[in-house]
Amino acid sequence: MPDIVLATLNAKYIHTSFGLRYLMANLEELRDRACMLEFVIHQQPLEIVEALLARQPRIIGFGVYIWNVEQTTEVVALLKKLRPDITVILGGPEVSYETDQQAITALADHVITGEADLKFAEVCHGLLDENEMPELGPHSSFAKVITSELPPLAQLSSPYELYTDEDLKNRVVYVEASRGCPFTCEFCLSSLDIPVRAFPTEAFLASMQRLLDRGAKQFKFVDRTFNLHLPTSMAILQFFLDRWREGLFLHFEMVPDRLPEQLRGLIRQFPAGAVQFEVGIQTFDDATSKNISRRQNLDRLADNFRFLREETSVHIHADLIVGLPGEDIESFGRGFDRLVRLGPQEIQIGILKRLRGTPIVRHDNEYRMIYAPNPPYEILSTREIPFEQMQRMRRFARYWDIVANSGHFTDTLKLMWQNAESPFAEFLRFSDWLHAKLGRTHQIALHVTAQALFDFLVNESELDRDLVATTLETDWHRTPSRETLNLRGHHLAGKTVEKRGNQRQARHTHETAASSR
């Protein structure tokens, strides 16, 4: 039985815990005395506790994040009731800040704050030595809260061999070429990770080669600013371009206003469906950008979007945030319309979250920022957006994800605002109408959404009935479906379509769902 169990609760099975794999890889000689157990947040806490105790560990280390802290707290509480002798160590971003204010940290024996890749191994060594050599004294060497220094990345053992064949086949494989972020956006924990540090490129690419050799096809880079250091970005893109194979998919987070010609030349060469860029814009409002200490050149951003949409097959996933200090709905709407005109395939509308440790709290009094007390700590109201209007924007974000980001209704969506000055205003009108009709934002079947779009466009927007039906039918037949749709008095059955990887992105290849052109 292992002395050490590394555990976490993932949001979904498809996600893998990158952090656990780093900790495991860097246990060095203790690896033979350790194991990893990954759960999902929907599992019953008692079942998780049973699985943990079945391993009879002496130490359990938990990775704690905003999405699993509530469930992990319940698991730790049960463990401490049943086996108070087991040493519980916590780590992760959720417990690295405001540590003394959390129920879960009060239950644990130790909390390691910061990047614990090496510190966790050090603590485990010390605790096991104390148990095996009682003369050293029980648990005397470590404080309750242990601060981890930034580890030299070149000294870290690679975690990539710990991805199993099952992981490579059916789950998300996370990789990173660097850590940290040069920007100071006040809502983001990455703003605290200064300076940016890079892994040695040659060793990193060797790890990527081993993953490719094992059959890996999808690589999700977690670097906050992939395109920050040009030589490294070019080396990575060239590496994958030289080894291109059918089904390869690369996801990068990029700085939206930094895309020099050297990178453009490489990006042009990737085929459709190969590359996705996640582009954090967050706001187009200058005053709001200053409030959150965010810097970006909007002219360069627009030119880069033009290049990506007109000269490449890159899938663009762009982010906007509702509820930033100083921004009202009208300002957000103008930014939304501006982004629609730039034509990303997806616009992810996030609701501002108060992540522990971020300096966004300095605006609380002036802008009357009120956040939910429980994870994910979303904004409830601001000086500019009262609670009722914030709820309205939550519905807008949810319905946008269902209709636009899903890629199911690319042509139909453009009908909605073909004669409207503001796509935001028109979709907000649809959002209000749909909520009044359904009274819910979740568990909405695809055919219900399609019928609702038909009813709204025909009855509320007064568009031609046959035009709307034909457009919806075109969208419907482009999507795999087992449902039937009743338009113009007859049933429309969804046809069978061959399934492909990255289906959400593939649905957008017909034409951007967010384009107003």
Protein backbone atom coordinates (compact mmCIF):
# COMPACT_ATOMS: atom_id res chain seq x y z
CA MET A 1 0.00 0.00 0.00
CA PRO A 2 1.29 3.51 -0.80
CA ASP A 3 2.41 5.82 1.98
CA ILE A 4 1.42 8.87 -0.09
CA VAL A 5 -1.76 9.42 -2.09
CA LEU A 6 -2.01 12.39 -4.41
CA ALA A 7 -5.65 13.24 -5.06
CA THR A 8 -7.88 15.84 -6.63
CA LEU A 9 -11.45 16.25 -7.87
CA ASN A 10 -11.60 17.23 -11.54
CA ALA A 11 -14.57 19.08 -13.00
CA LYS A 12 -15.09 16.31 -15.57
CA TYR A 13 -13.53 12.96 -16.36
CA ILE A 14 -12.11 14.32 -19.61
CA HIS A 15 -9.88 16.69 -17.62
CA THR A 16 -6.56 15.45 -16.29
CA SER A 17 -4.78 16.92 -13.29
CA PHE A 18 -1.57 18.50 -14.54
CA GLY A 19 -0.62 19.53 -11.01
CA LEU A 20 -0.78 16.00 -9.58
CA ARG A 21 1.46 14.72 -12.34
CA TYR A 22 4.07 17.36 -11.57
CA LEU A 23 4.00 16.49 -7.88
CA MET A 24 4.26 12.78 -8.62
CA ALA A 25 7.12 13.22 -11.09
CA ASN A 26 9.11 15.23 -8.57
CA LEU A 27 8.74 12.87 -5.62
CA GLU A 28 11.87 11.19 -6.98
CA GLU A 29 12.73 8.21 -4.77
CA LEU A 30 9.36 8.47 -3.01
CA ARG A 31 7.48 7.77 -6.26
CA ASP A 32 7.46 4.05 -5.52
CA ARG A 33 5.70 4.83 -2.25
CA ALA A 34 3.01 7.02 -3.84
CA CYS A 35 0.01 6.83 -6.15
CA MET A 36 -2.40 9.22 -7.83
CA LEU A 37 -6.19 9.08 -7.55
CA GLU A 38 -8.34 11.38 -9.68
CA PHE A 39 -12.05 11.84 -8.99
CA VAL A 40 -14.74 14.13 -10.37
CA ILE A 41 -16.73 16.67 -8.41
CA HIS A 42 -20.03 14.86 -9.00
CA GLN A 43 -18.90 11.75 -7.12
CA GLN A 44 -20.26 11.19 -3.63
CA PRO A 45 -17.79 12.35 -0.95
CA LEU A 46 -18.21 9.09 0.98
CA GLU A 47 -17.26 7.11 -2.12
CA ILE A 48 -14.15 9.24 -2.52
CA VAL A 49 -13.21 8.79 1.13
CA GLU A 50 -13.72 5.04 0.84
CA ALA A 51 -11.40 4.87 -2.18
CA LEU A 52 -8.75 6.93 -0.39
CA LEU A 53 -8.85 4.92 2.82
CA ALA A 54 -8.68 1.66 0.89
CA ARG A 55 -5.10 2.61 -0.02
CA GLN A 56 -4.19 2.91 3.69
CA PRO A 57 -1.99 6.00 3.18
CA ARG A 58 -0.06 7.92 5.79
CA ILE A 59 -0.16 11.18 3.79
CA ILE A 60 -2.84 12.48 1.42
CA GLY A 61 -2.11 15.51 -0.72
CA PHE A 62 -5.08 17.35 -2.28
CA GLY A 63 -5.01 19.75 -5.20
CA VAL A 64 -7.56 22.45 -4.38
CA TYR A 65 -9.08 24.75 -6.99
CA ILE A 66 -12.02 27.12 -7.27
CA TRP A 67 -14.13 24.42 -8.95
CA ASN A 68 -13.55 21.70 -6.33
CA VAL A 69 -12.95 23.44 -3.00
CA GLU A 70 -16.45 22.87 -1.63
CA GLN A 71 -16.46 19.15 -2.43
CA THR A 72 -12.86 18.71 -1.27
CA THR A 73 -13.70 20.40 2.03
CA GLU A 74 -16.37 17.80 2.66
CA VAL A 75 -13.97 14.97 1.78
CA VAL A 76 -11.27 16.29 4.12
CA ALA A 77 -13.79 16.72 6.93
CA LEU A 78 -14.88 13.10 6.59
CA LEU A 79 -11.29 11.88 6.46
CA LYS A 80 -10.42 13.73 9.64
CA LYS A 81 -13.45 12.25 11.40
CA LEU A 82 -12.58 8.71 10.36
CA ARG A 83 -8.78 8.79 10.35
CA PRO A 84 -7.37 11.83 12.16
CA ASP A 85 -3.94 10.17 12.12
CA ILE A 86 -3.58 10.57 8.35
CA THR A 87 -1.65 13.71 7.49
CA VAL A 88 -3.58 15.90 5.03
CA ILE A 89 -1.59 18.37 2.92
CA LEU A 90 -3.32 20.93 0.72
CA GLY A 91 -1.97 22.83 -2.25
CA GLY A 92 -3.23 24.71 -5.29
CA PRO A 93 -4.31 28.25 -6.17
CA GLU A 94 -7.48 28.26 -4.07
CA VAL A 95 -5.61 27.70 -0.79
CA SER A 96 -2.48 29.69 -1.66
CA TYR A 97 -4.10 33.01 -0.72
CA GLU A 98 -6.29 34.12 2.19
CA THR A 99 -5.30 30.79 3.67
CA ASP A 100 -6.32 31.62 7.23
CA GLN A 101 -9.91 32.39 6.19
CA GLN A 102 -10.91 29.01 4.79
CA ALA A 103 -12.68 26.07 6.39
CA ILE A 104 -10.66 23.53 4.41
CA THR A 105 -7.32 24.88 5.57
CA ALA A 106 -8.48 24.75 9.19
CA LEU A 107 -9.16 21.03 8.76
CA ALA A 108 -5.81 20.20 7.14
CA ASP A 109 -2.49 19.49 8.82
CA HIS A 110 -0.41 21.50 6.35
CA VAL A 111 -0.97 23.89 3.45
CA ILE A 112 1.72 24.48 0.85
CA THR A 113 1.23 27.81 -0.92
CA GLY A 114 2.62 28.58 -4.36
CA GLU A 115 4.24 26.19 -6.82
CA ALA A 116 4.75 23.05 -4.75
CA ASP A 117 6.48 20.84 -7.34
CA LEU A 118 9.58 20.41 -5.14
CA LYS A 119 8.28 21.55 -1.75
CA PHE A 120 5.70 18.76 -1.54
CA ALA A 121 8.43 16.15 -1.87
CA GLU A 122 10.50 17.91 0.79
CA VAL A 123 7.57 17.94 3.21
CA CYS A 124 6.74 14.28 2.57
CA HIS A 125 10.37 13.32 3.18
CA GLY A 126 10.33 15.15 6.48
CA LEU A 127 7.02 13.75 7.66
CA LEU A 128 7.87 10.16 6.77
CA ASP A 129 11.29 10.47 8.42
CA GLU A 130 9.62 11.74 11.60
CA ASN A 131 7.29 8.75 11.62
CA GLU A 132 10.05 6.27 10.89
CA MET A 133 12.53 7.90 13.25
CA PRO A 134 10.47 8.96 16.30
CA GLU A 135 13.46 10.56 17.97
CA LEU A 136 13.10 13.44 15.50
CA GLY A 137 9.77 14.36 17.08
CA PRO A 138 6.27 14.04 15.56
CA HIS A 139 5.38 16.66 12.96
CA SER A 140 7.80 19.16 14.50
CA SER A 141 9.64 20.26 11.38
CA PHE A 142 6.90 22.03 9.42
CA ALA A 143 4.55 24.88 10.11
CA LYS A 144 0.85 24.73 9.35
CA VAL A 145 1.31 27.00 6.33
CA ILE A 146 4.42 26.32 4.26
CA THR A 147 5.48 28.82 1.61
CA SER A 148 6.99 27.33 -1.52
CA GLU A 149 9.70 29.25 -3.32
CA LEU A 150 9.49 29.42 -7.12
CA PRO A 151 11.19 26.24 -8.33
CA PRO A 152 13.86 26.49 -11.04
CA LEU A 153 12.01 25.04 -14.00
CA ALA A 154 15.12 23.39 -15.41
CA GLN A 155 15.33 21.30 -12.24
CA LEU A 156 11.81 19.90 -12.46
CA SER A 157 11.28 16.33 -13.58
CA SER A 158 8.96 16.04 -16.56
CA PRO A 159 5.35 14.99 -15.78
CA TYR A 160 4.47 13.88 -19.29
CA GLU A 161 5.33 10.21 -18.91
CA LEU A 162 2.60 10.03 -16.28
CA TYR A 163 -0.08 10.48 -18.90
CA THR A 164 -1.49 7.00 -19.48
CA ASP A 165 -2.55 5.56 -22.82
CA GLU A 166 -6.15 6.13 -21.70
CA ASP A 167 -5.33 9.79 -21.03
CA LEU A 168 -3.79 10.24 -24.46
CA LYS A 169 -6.75 8.60 -26.16
CA ASN A 170 -9.74 10.04 -24.32
CA ARG A 171 -8.73 12.95 -22.08
CA VAL A 172 -7.27 16.44 -22.34
CA VAL A 173 -3.48 16.47 -22.31
CA TYR A 174 -2.10 19.66 -20.75
CA VAL A 175 1.41 20.89 -21.50
CA GLU A 176 3.36 24.04 -20.67
CA ALA A 177 6.45 25.67 -22.13
CA SER A 178 6.48 28.51 -19.61
CA ARG A 179 4.97 29.78 -16.38
CA GLY A 180 3.97 33.25 -15.31
CA CYS A 181 2.54 36.29 -17.05
CA PRO A 182 4.05 39.72 -17.77
CA PHE A 183 0.73 41.50 -17.41
CA THR A 184 -0.96 42.81 -14.29
CA CYS A 185 -4.68 42.31 -14.96
CA GLU A 186 -6.20 42.69 -11.52
CA PHE A 187 -8.85 39.97 -11.87
CA CYS A 188 -6.32 37.25 -12.73
CA LEU A 189 -4.08 35.14 -10.50
CA SER A 190 -1.52 35.00 -13.29
CA SER A 191 -0.84 38.68 -12.67
CA LEU A 192 0.86 37.57 -9.45
CA ASP A 193 3.15 35.15 -11.32
CA ILE A 194 5.99 37.46 -12.22
CA PRO A 195 8.49 36.96 -13.79
CA VAL A 196 7.69 34.77 -16.78
CA ARG A 197 9.91 31.68 -16.69
CA ALA A 198 10.48 29.26 -19.55
CA PHE A 199 11.27 25.57 -19.55
CA PRO A 200 14.37 24.64 -21.56
CA THR A 201 13.04 24.42 -25.11
CA GLU A 202 15.04 21.41 -26.22
CA ALA A 203 13.96 19.28 -23.26
CA PHE A 204 10.35 20.41 -23.64
CA LEU A 205 10.21 19.48 -27.31
CA ALA A 206 11.79 16.11 -26.54
CA SER A 207 8.88 15.49 -24.15
CA MET A 208 6.42 16.49 -26.86
CA GLN A 209 8.09 14.06 -29.24
CA ARG A 210 7.62 11.22 -26.77
CA LEU A 211 3.93 12.09 -26.46
CA LEU A 212 3.57 12.14 -30.24
CA ASP A 213 5.34 8.79 -30.47
CA ARG A 214 2.80 7.37 -28.04
CA GLY A 215 -0.09 8.59 -30.19
CA ALA A 216 -1.02 11.89 -28.56
CA LYS A 217 -2.92 14.17 -30.94
CA GLN A 218 -4.36 16.94 -28.79
CA PHE A 219 -2.15 19.34 -26.85
CA LYS A 220 -3.59 22.07 -24.66
CA PHE A 221 -0.92 24.61 -23.74
CA VAL A 222 -1.60 26.27 -20.40
CA ASP A 223 0.99 29.03 -20.93
CA ARG A 224 -0.71 32.33 -20.20
CA THR A 225 1.11 34.15 -23.01
CA PHE A 226 2.26 31.62 -25.58
CA ASN A 227 3.29 34.22 -28.17
CA LEU A 228 5.27 36.41 -25.76
CA HIS A 229 8.76 35.07 -26.56
CA LEU A 230 9.07 34.88 -30.33
CA PRO A 231 11.95 32.36 -30.70
CA THR A 232 10.23 29.85 -28.39
CA SER A 233 6.82 30.29 -30.03
CA MET A 234 8.32 29.78 -33.46
CA ALA A 235 10.27 26.71 -32.36
CA ILE A 236 7.14 25.08 -30.96
CA LEU A 237 4.98 25.86 -33.98
CA GLN A 238 7.67 24.64 -36.36
CA PHE A 239 8.09 21.47 -34.31
CA PHE A 240 4.42 20.54 -34.66
CA LEU A 241 4.21 21.70 -38.27
CA ASP A 242 7.11 19.41 -39.21
CA ARG A 243 5.35 16.50 -37.51
CA TRP A 244 1.85 17.24 -38.74
CA ARG A 245 -0.53 14.29 -38.84
CA GLU A 246 -4.27 14.02 -39.34
CA GLY A 247 -6.17 14.84 -36.17
CA LEU A 248 -3.45 16.92 -34.51
CA PHE A 249 -4.95 19.76 -32.48
CA LEU A 250 -3.11 22.54 -30.63
CA HIS A 251 -4.64 25.01 -28.19
CA PHE A 252 -2.76 28.17 -27.19
CA GLU A 253 -3.56 31.22 -25.09
CA MET A 254 -2.17 34.24 -26.85
CA VAL A 255 -1.62 37.95 -26.38
CA PRO A 256 -4.09 39.45 -28.88
CA ASP A 257 -1.95 42.39 -30.02
CA ARG A 258 1.34 40.53 -30.57
CA LEU A 259 1.55 38.57 -33.81
CA PRO A 260 4.69 39.47 -35.80
CA GLU A 261 5.18 38.34 -39.37
CA GLN A 262 7.51 35.48 -38.41
CA LEU A 263 4.67 33.85 -36.44
CA ARG A 264 2.12 34.67 -39.12
CA GLY A 265 4.14 32.80 -41.69
CA LEU A 266 4.05 29.61 -39.61
CA ILE A 267 0.40 29.94 -38.60
CA ARG A 268 -0.68 30.22 -42.24
CA GLN A 269 0.66 26.73 -42.90
CA PHE A 270 -1.54 24.84 -40.45
CA PRO A 271 -4.63 23.18 -41.95
CA ALA A 272 -8.20 23.78 -40.79
CA GLY A 273 -9.00 22.31 -37.41
CA ALA A 274 -5.39 22.16 -36.28
CA VAL A 275 -4.99 25.28 -34.13
CA GLN A 276 -7.17 27.13 -31.64
CA PHE A 277 -6.18 30.48 -30.14
CA GLU A 278 -7.77 31.58 -26.90
CA VAL A 279 -7.62 35.35 -26.98
CA GLY A 280 -8.31 37.25 -23.78
CA ILE A 281 -9.71 40.67 -24.66
CA GLN A 282 -11.96 41.11 -21.59
CA THR A 283 -12.97 44.71 -22.40
CA PHE A 284 -12.72 47.29 -25.17
CA ASP A 285 -13.41 50.20 -22.82
CA ASP A 286 -10.32 52.31 -22.15
CA ALA A 287 -11.40 53.51 -18.70
CA THR A 288 -12.24 49.97 -17.59
CA SER A 289 -8.89 48.71 -18.93
CA LYS A 290 -7.12 51.30 -16.78
CA ASN A 291 -9.17 50.28 -13.75
CA ILE A 292 -7.97 46.69 -14.05
CA SER A 293 -4.39 47.59 -15.08
CA ARG A 294 -4.76 45.94 -18.47
CA ARG A 295 -2.70 47.05 -21.45
CA GLN A 296 -3.50 46.21 -25.07
CA ASN A 297 -3.19 47.88 -28.45
CA LEU A 298 -6.65 47.66 -30.00
CA ASP A 299 -5.49 48.65 -33.48
CA ARG A 300 -2.96 45.82 -33.55
CA LEU A 301 -5.56 43.49 -32.08
CA ALA A 302 -7.98 44.30 -34.90
CA ASP A 303 -5.30 43.75 -37.53
CA ASN A 304 -4.34 40.39 -36.01
CA PHE A 305 -7.97 39.27 -36.01
CA ARG A 306 -8.26 40.30 -39.65
CA PHE A 307 -5.18 38.26 -40.48
CA LEU A 308 -6.37 35.19 -38.58
CA ARG A 309 -9.85 35.25 -40.09
CA GLU A 310 -8.84 36.06 -43.67
CA GLU A 311 -5.50 34.31 -44.10
CA THR A 312 -5.54 31.31 -41.76
CA SER A 313 -7.77 28.46 -40.62
CA VAL A 314 -7.21 29.15 -36.91
CA HIS A 315 -10.23 28.78 -34.64
CA ILE A 316 -10.48 31.89 -32.44
CA HIS A 317 -11.99 31.69 -28.97
CA ALA A 318 -12.19 35.26 -27.64
CA ASP A 319 -13.07 36.26 -24.08
CA LEU A 320 -15.09 39.19 -22.71
CA ILE A 321 -15.93 39.75 -19.03
CA VAL A 322 -19.16 41.16 -17.60
CA GLY A 323 -18.96 43.11 -14.33
CA LEU A 324 -15.53 44.72 -14.47
CA PRO A 325 -15.25 47.85 -12.29
CA GLY A 326 -16.61 50.88 -14.09
CA GLU A 327 -18.18 49.07 -17.06
CA ASP A 328 -21.94 49.19 -17.56
CA ILE A 329 -24.13 47.14 -19.89
CA GLU A 330 -24.04 49.76 -22.64
CA SER A 331 -20.25 49.85 -22.62
CA PHE A 332 -20.07 46.06 -22.60
CA GLY A 333 -22.53 45.94 -25.49
CA ARG A 334 -20.41 48.30 -27.60
CA GLY A 335 -17.40 46.09 -26.96
CA PHE A 336 -19.40 42.98 -27.80
CA ASP A 337 -20.51 44.49 -31.12
CA ARG A 338 -16.93 45.45 -31.89
CA LEU A 339 -15.77 41.90 -31.20
CA VAL A 340 -18.57 40.42 -33.33
CA ARG A 341 -17.36 42.52 -36.25
CA LEU A 342 -13.86 41.07 -35.78
CA GLY A 343 -15.37 37.65 -36.41
CA PRO A 344 -14.06 35.09 -33.88
CA GLN A 345 -15.73 31.70 -34.09
CA GLU A 346 -16.53 31.80 -30.37
CA ILE A 347 -17.06 34.64 -27.91
CA GLN A 348 -16.84 33.39 -24.35
CA ILE A 349 -18.74 35.73 -22.06
CA GLY A 350 -17.44 35.34 -18.54
CA ILE A 351 -18.90 36.77 -15.35
CA LEU A 352 -16.23 38.44 -13.22
CA LYS A 353 -14.94 36.26 -10.36
CA ARG A 354 -13.10 37.46 -7.27
CA LEU A 355 -10.26 34.98 -7.17
CA ARG A 356 -8.50 34.81 -3.83
CA GLY A 357 -5.39 36.94 -3.72
CA THR A 358 -6.15 39.12 -6.74
CA PRO A 359 -6.00 42.93 -6.34
CA ILE A 360 -9.42 43.45 -7.95
CA VAL A 361 -10.74 43.91 -4.39
CA ARG A 362 -9.28 47.42 -4.26
CA HIS A 363 -12.31 48.57 -6.27
CA ASP A 364 -14.92 47.11 -3.91
CA ASN A 365 -15.90 50.33 -2.16
CA GLU A 366 -15.74 52.82 -5.03
CA TYR A 367 -17.59 50.62 -7.52
CA ARG A 368 -19.75 48.81 -4.94
CA MET A 369 -18.53 45.40 -6.07
CA ILE A 370 -20.55 42.66 -4.36
CA TYR A 371 -19.46 39.05 -4.92
CA ALA A 372 -21.05 35.73 -4.05
CA PRO A 373 -19.49 34.40 -0.82
CA ASN A 374 -19.10 30.85 -2.19
CA PRO A 375 -17.13 29.48 -5.16
CA PRO A 376 -16.83 30.52 -7.91
CA TYR A 377 -17.22 33.94 -6.21
CA GLU A 378 -18.99 35.56 -9.15
CA ILE A 379 -19.94 39.21 -9.12
CA LEU A 380 -23.54 39.79 -8.01
CA SER A 381 -23.81 43.52 -8.60
CA THR A 382 -21.74 46.64 -9.17
CA ARG A 383 -22.34 50.37 -9.05
CA GLU A 384 -23.05 50.28 -12.79
CA ILE A 385 -24.90 46.95 -13.03
CA PRO A 386 -27.46 46.19 -10.29
CA PHE A 387 -28.28 42.60 -9.36
CA GLU A 388 -31.34 42.28 -11.61
CA GLN A 389 -29.35 43.44 -14.63
CA MET A 390 -26.42 41.20 -13.73
CA GLN A 391 -28.82 38.25 -13.73
CA ARG A 392 -29.99 39.37 -17.14
CA MET A 393 -26.39 39.30 -18.38
CA ARG A 394 -25.88 35.83 -16.90
CA ARG A 395 -28.77 34.61 -19.00
CA PHE A 396 -27.36 36.39 -22.04
CA ALA A 397 -24.02 34.60 -21.56
CA ARG A 398 -25.66 31.21 -21.13
CA TYR A 399 -27.93 31.51 -24.15
CA TRP A 400 -25.08 32.85 -26.26
CA ASP A 401 -23.09 29.72 -25.43
CA ILE A 402 -26.03 27.48 -26.39
CA VAL A 403 -26.88 29.23 -29.64
CA ALA A 404 -23.68 30.85 -30.93
CA ASN A 405 -20.67 29.12 -29.40
CA SER A 406 -22.10 25.66 -29.90
CA GLY A 407 -21.83 26.10 -33.67
CA HIS A 408 -25.26 24.53 -34.20
CA PHE A 409 -26.90 27.67 -35.62
CA THR A 410 -24.24 29.56 -37.56
CA ASP A 411 -26.42 30.74 -40.44
CA THR A 412 -29.53 31.27 -38.34
CA LEU A 413 -27.68 33.52 -35.92
CA LYS A 414 -26.70 35.91 -38.70
CA LEU A 415 -30.36 36.24 -39.67
CA MET A 416 -31.07 37.57 -36.20
CA TRP A 417 -29.12 40.77 -36.70
CA GLN A 418 -28.93 41.10 -40.46
CA ASN A 419 -31.04 44.25 -40.28
CA ALA A 420 -30.01 45.36 -36.78
CA GLU A 421 -27.43 47.97 -35.86
CA SER A 422 -26.32 46.11 -32.75
CA PRO A 423 -25.90 42.31 -32.55
CA PHE A 424 -25.68 42.71 -28.78
CA ALA A 425 -29.01 44.50 -28.50
CA GLU A 426 -30.71 41.99 -30.78
CA PHE A 427 -29.39 38.93 -28.98
CA LEU A 428 -30.23 40.51 -25.62
CA ARG A 429 -33.79 40.94 -26.87
CA PHE A 430 -33.81 37.24 -27.83
CA SER A 431 -32.35 36.31 -24.45
CA ASP A 432 -35.05 38.21 -22.57
CA TRP A 433 -37.76 36.65 -24.76
CA LEU A 434 -36.37 33.11 -24.38
CA HIS A 435 -36.17 33.35 -20.60
CA ALA A 436 -39.72 34.65 -20.43
CA LYS A 437 -40.79 31.71 -22.58
CA LEU A 438 -38.81 28.89 -20.92
CA GLY A 439 -38.05 30.19 -17.45
CA ARG A 440 -34.71 28.36 -17.35
CA THR A 441 -31.19 28.52 -18.72
CA HIS A 442 -30.12 24.87 -18.48
CA GLN A 443 -31.38 21.50 -19.70
CA ILE A 444 -32.61 22.97 -22.96
CA ALA A 445 -32.74 20.35 -25.71
CA LEU A 446 -31.35 21.19 -29.14
CA HIS A 447 -34.71 20.93 -30.87
CA VAL A 448 -36.25 23.26 -28.25
CA THR A 449 -33.59 25.86 -29.02
CA ALA A 450 -34.19 25.47 -32.76
CA GLN A 451 -37.94 25.87 -32.41
CA ALA A 452 -37.45 28.90 -30.15
CA LEU A 453 -35.20 30.54 -32.73
CA PHE A 454 -37.80 29.90 -35.42
CA ASP A 455 -40.61 31.37 -33.31
CA PHE A 456 -38.58 34.43 -32.32
CA LEU A 457 -37.33 35.26 -35.78
CA VAL A 458 -40.72 34.77 -37.43
CA ASN A 459 -43.05 36.18 -34.78
CA GLU A 460 -40.90 38.73 -32.94
CA SER A 461 -38.46 39.86 -35.65
CA GLU A 462 -41.05 39.42 -38.44
CA LEU A 463 -38.63 37.72 -40.82
CA ASP A 464 -39.85 35.69 -43.76
CA ARG A 465 -41.13 32.34 -42.51
CA ASP A 466 -39.72 30.30 -45.40
CA LEU A 467 -36.33 32.03 -45.19
CA VAL A 468 -36.05 31.28 -41.47
CA ALA A 469 -37.17 27.68 -41.89
CA THR A 470 -34.78 27.04 -44.78
CA THR A 471 -31.87 28.56 -42.86
CA LEU A 472 -32.64 26.54 -39.74
CA GLU A 473 -32.95 23.37 -41.80
CA THR A 474 -29.54 24.01 -43.33
CA ASP A 475 -28.03 24.40 -39.87
CA TRP A 476 -29.93 21.37 -38.57
CA HIS A 477 -28.67 19.04 -41.29
CA ARG A 478 -25.10 20.13 -40.65
CA THR A 479 -25.27 18.81 -37.09
CA PRO A 480 -25.56 15.23 -35.82
CA SER A 481 -28.93 14.81 -34.13
CA ARG A 482 -31.40 12.11 -33.13
CA GLU A 483 -34.24 14.57 -32.67
CA THR A 484 -36.87 15.70 -35.15
CA LEU A 485 -37.83 19.28 -35.80
CA ASN A 486 -41.28 20.46 -36.86
CA LEU A 487 -41.00 23.51 -39.09
CA ARG A 488 -43.54 24.69 -41.68
CA GLY A 489 -45.86 21.89 -40.60
CA HIS A 490 -43.59 18.92 -41.27
CA HIS A 491 -41.01 16.99 -39.33
CA LEU A 492 -37.33 17.48 -40.07
CA ALA A 493 -35.13 14.59 -38.98
CA GLY A 494 -31.50 15.14 -38.23
CA LYS A 495 -29.26 13.12 -40.51
CA THR A 496 -26.37 10.98 -39.32
CA VAL A 497 -23.00 12.69 -39.70
CA GLU A 498 -19.60 11.14 -39.21
CA LYS A 499 -18.23 12.13 -35.80
CA ARG A 500 -14.95 14.02 -35.68
CA GLY A 501 -12.61 15.15 -32.95
CA ASN A 502 -13.11 18.68 -31.62
CA GLN A 503 -16.71 18.65 -32.84
CA ARG A 504 -17.56 22.04 -31.35
CA GLN A 505 -14.75 23.66 -33.36
CA ALA A 506 -15.59 21.59 -36.44
CA ARG A 507 -19.14 22.95 -36.51
CA HIS A 508 -17.70 26.43 -36.95
CA THR A 509 -15.64 25.53 -40.00
CA HIS A 510 -18.65 26.18 -42.25
CA GLU A 511 -18.55 29.85 -41.35
CA THR A 512 -18.01 31.88 -38.21
CA ALA A 513 -20.94 31.93 -35.79
CA ALA A 514 -19.95 35.31 -34.53
CA SER A 515 -19.51 37.15 -37.82
CA SER A 516 -21.83 39.95 -38.81
CA ARG A 517 -20.59 39.94 -42.39
